[in-house]
Amino acid sequence: MSDFKIALRERETVNVLELKGYLDAHTAPKLEEAFQNLLKNARFNIVVNCRDLSYISSAGLGVFMAFIEDVRKNKGDIKLTNMTPKVYNVFDLLGFPLLYEILPDEQEAVRKFSERMK
């Protein structure tokens, strides 16, 4: 079984999911559960910090696609941050920068959510 961990933190009005390890078909259900819990609790401003994400498969990418519509329908968003070049290339190859805001660091993503609230 692949090693994958998710840590959840709250920063102001934003929930931060920190991903660590390998996000693939075996571990994608953990991320699905994390998103489901956020939506169930009406937490729609989400930052996904990918600093420690070392690998992502198409199954992992599919999780992001599965939830973005519901998040945005509730006036929220999912912002992605702190990607290594290797992980960014996978997102970029599949056109994710056109659909998601990908930022260099978590602080900037949290700030953008705060600006939207003003």
Protein backbone atom coordinates (compact mmCIF):
# COMPACT_ATOMS: atom_id res chain seq x y z
CA MET A 1 0.00 0.00 0.00
CA SER A 2 1.29 3.44 -0.92
CA ASP A 3 2.17 5.92 1.78
CA PHE A 4 -0.18 8.91 1.77
CA LYS A 5 -1.22 11.30 4.52
CA ILE A 6 -3.53 14.29 4.75
CA ALA A 7 -3.38 16.92 7.46
CA LEU A 8 -6.21 19.44 7.82
CA ARG A 9 -5.64 22.91 9.27
CA GLU A 10 -7.82 25.98 9.49
CA ARG A 11 -6.37 29.37 8.59
CA GLU A 12 -8.80 32.24 9.01
CA THR A 13 -11.80 31.30 6.81
CA VAL A 14 -9.79 28.78 4.79
CA ASN A 15 -9.25 25.07 5.24
CA VAL A 16 -5.81 23.82 4.26
CA LEU A 17 -5.28 20.22 3.21
CA GLU A 18 -1.62 19.22 3.36
CA LEU A 19 -0.88 16.24 1.14
CA LYS A 20 2.11 13.99 1.73
CA GLY A 21 3.36 11.01 -0.24
CA TYR A 22 1.79 9.15 -3.14
CA LEU A 23 -1.71 10.02 -4.35
CA ASP A 24 -2.83 7.17 -6.57
CA ALA A 25 -5.78 4.82 -7.08
CA HIS A 26 -5.15 3.18 -3.70
CA THR A 27 -4.94 6.41 -1.73
CA ALA A 28 -7.39 8.65 -3.65
CA PRO A 29 -10.32 7.57 -1.41
CA LYS A 30 -8.61 9.30 1.54
CA LEU A 31 -8.63 12.59 -0.37
CA GLU A 32 -12.23 12.02 -1.48
CA GLU A 33 -13.22 11.56 2.15
CA ALA A 34 -11.41 14.75 3.17
CA PHE A 35 -13.25 16.76 0.49
CA GLN A 36 -16.60 15.15 1.38
CA ASN A 37 -16.13 16.11 5.04
CA LEU A 38 -15.30 19.71 4.14
CA LEU A 39 -18.35 20.03 1.91
CA LYS A 40 -20.60 18.35 4.47
CA ASN A 41 -19.47 20.98 6.99
CA ALA A 42 -20.00 23.84 4.50
CA ARG A 43 -16.28 24.57 4.22
CA PHE A 44 -15.84 25.72 0.64
CA ASN A 45 -12.63 27.80 0.74
CA ILE A 46 -9.97 25.14 0.32
CA VAL A 47 -6.22 25.35 -0.18
CA VAL A 48 -4.39 22.15 -1.07
CA ASN A 49 -0.73 22.39 -0.09
CA CYS A 50 1.25 19.97 -2.26
CA ARG A 51 4.68 20.67 -0.77
CA ASP A 52 5.15 17.05 0.37
CA LEU A 53 3.19 15.40 -2.43
CA SER A 54 5.74 13.29 -4.27
CA TYR A 55 3.48 11.61 -6.85
CA ILE A 56 -0.01 12.00 -8.31
CA SER A 57 -1.78 9.65 -10.71
CA SER A 58 -4.82 10.23 -12.89
CA ALA A 59 -6.97 8.79 -10.10
CA GLY A 60 -5.68 11.51 -7.78
CA LEU A 61 -6.34 14.20 -10.36
CA GLY A 62 -9.85 12.84 -10.78
CA VAL A 63 -10.62 13.58 -7.14
CA PHE A 64 -10.01 17.28 -7.73
CA MET A 65 -12.29 17.24 -10.77
CA ALA A 66 -15.01 15.41 -8.83
CA PHE A 67 -15.37 18.19 -6.23
CA ILE A 68 -14.60 21.49 -7.96
CA GLU A 69 -18.11 22.01 -9.32
CA ASP A 70 -19.79 21.54 -5.92
CA VAL A 71 -17.24 23.82 -4.25
CA ARG A 72 -17.70 26.60 -6.79
CA LYS A 73 -21.49 26.21 -6.81
CA ASN A 74 -21.28 27.18 -3.11
CA LYS A 75 -19.17 30.27 -3.89
CA GLY A 76 -15.92 28.61 -2.82
CA ASP A 77 -12.81 27.47 -4.62
CA ILE A 78 -9.94 25.02 -4.47
CA LYS A 79 -6.51 26.62 -4.79
CA LEU A 80 -3.38 24.51 -5.19
CA THR A 81 0.00 25.53 -3.76
CA ASN A 82 3.61 24.59 -3.16
CA MET A 83 3.96 22.09 -6.01
CA THR A 84 7.28 20.52 -6.85
CA PRO A 85 8.18 20.83 -10.54
CA LYS A 86 7.52 17.09 -11.01
CA VAL A 87 3.99 17.29 -9.59
CA TYR A 88 3.27 20.60 -11.35
CA ASN A 89 4.19 19.05 -14.71
CA VAL A 90 1.47 16.39 -14.27
CA PHE A 91 -1.15 19.05 -13.48
CA ASP A 92 0.10 21.24 -16.33
CA LEU A 93 0.10 18.41 -18.86
CA LEU A 94 -3.61 17.85 -18.23
CA GLY A 95 -4.55 21.54 -18.37
CA PHE A 96 -5.24 22.08 -14.67
CA PRO A 97 -3.73 25.61 -14.66
CA LEU A 98 -6.68 26.65 -16.83
CA LEU A 99 -9.17 25.31 -14.28
CA TYR A 100 -7.44 25.90 -10.95
CA GLU A 101 -5.40 28.69 -9.49
CA ILE A 102 -1.97 27.23 -8.77
CA LEU A 103 0.10 29.45 -6.50
CA PRO A 104 3.70 29.28 -5.31
CA ASP A 105 2.83 29.27 -1.60
CA GLU A 106 0.02 28.69 0.86
CA GLN A 107 0.15 32.18 2.34
CA GLU A 108 -0.63 33.76 -1.02
CA ALA A 109 -3.61 31.44 -1.54
CA VAL A 110 -5.02 32.24 1.91
CA ARG A 111 -4.56 35.96 1.19
CA LYS A 112 -6.48 35.66 -2.09
CA PHE A 113 -9.41 34.11 -0.26
CA SER A 114 -9.30 36.92 2.31
CA GLU A 115 -9.33 39.54 -0.45
CA ARG A 116 -12.37 37.90 -2.03
CA MET A 117 -14.27 38.20 1.26
CA LYS A 118 -13.83 41.99 1.45
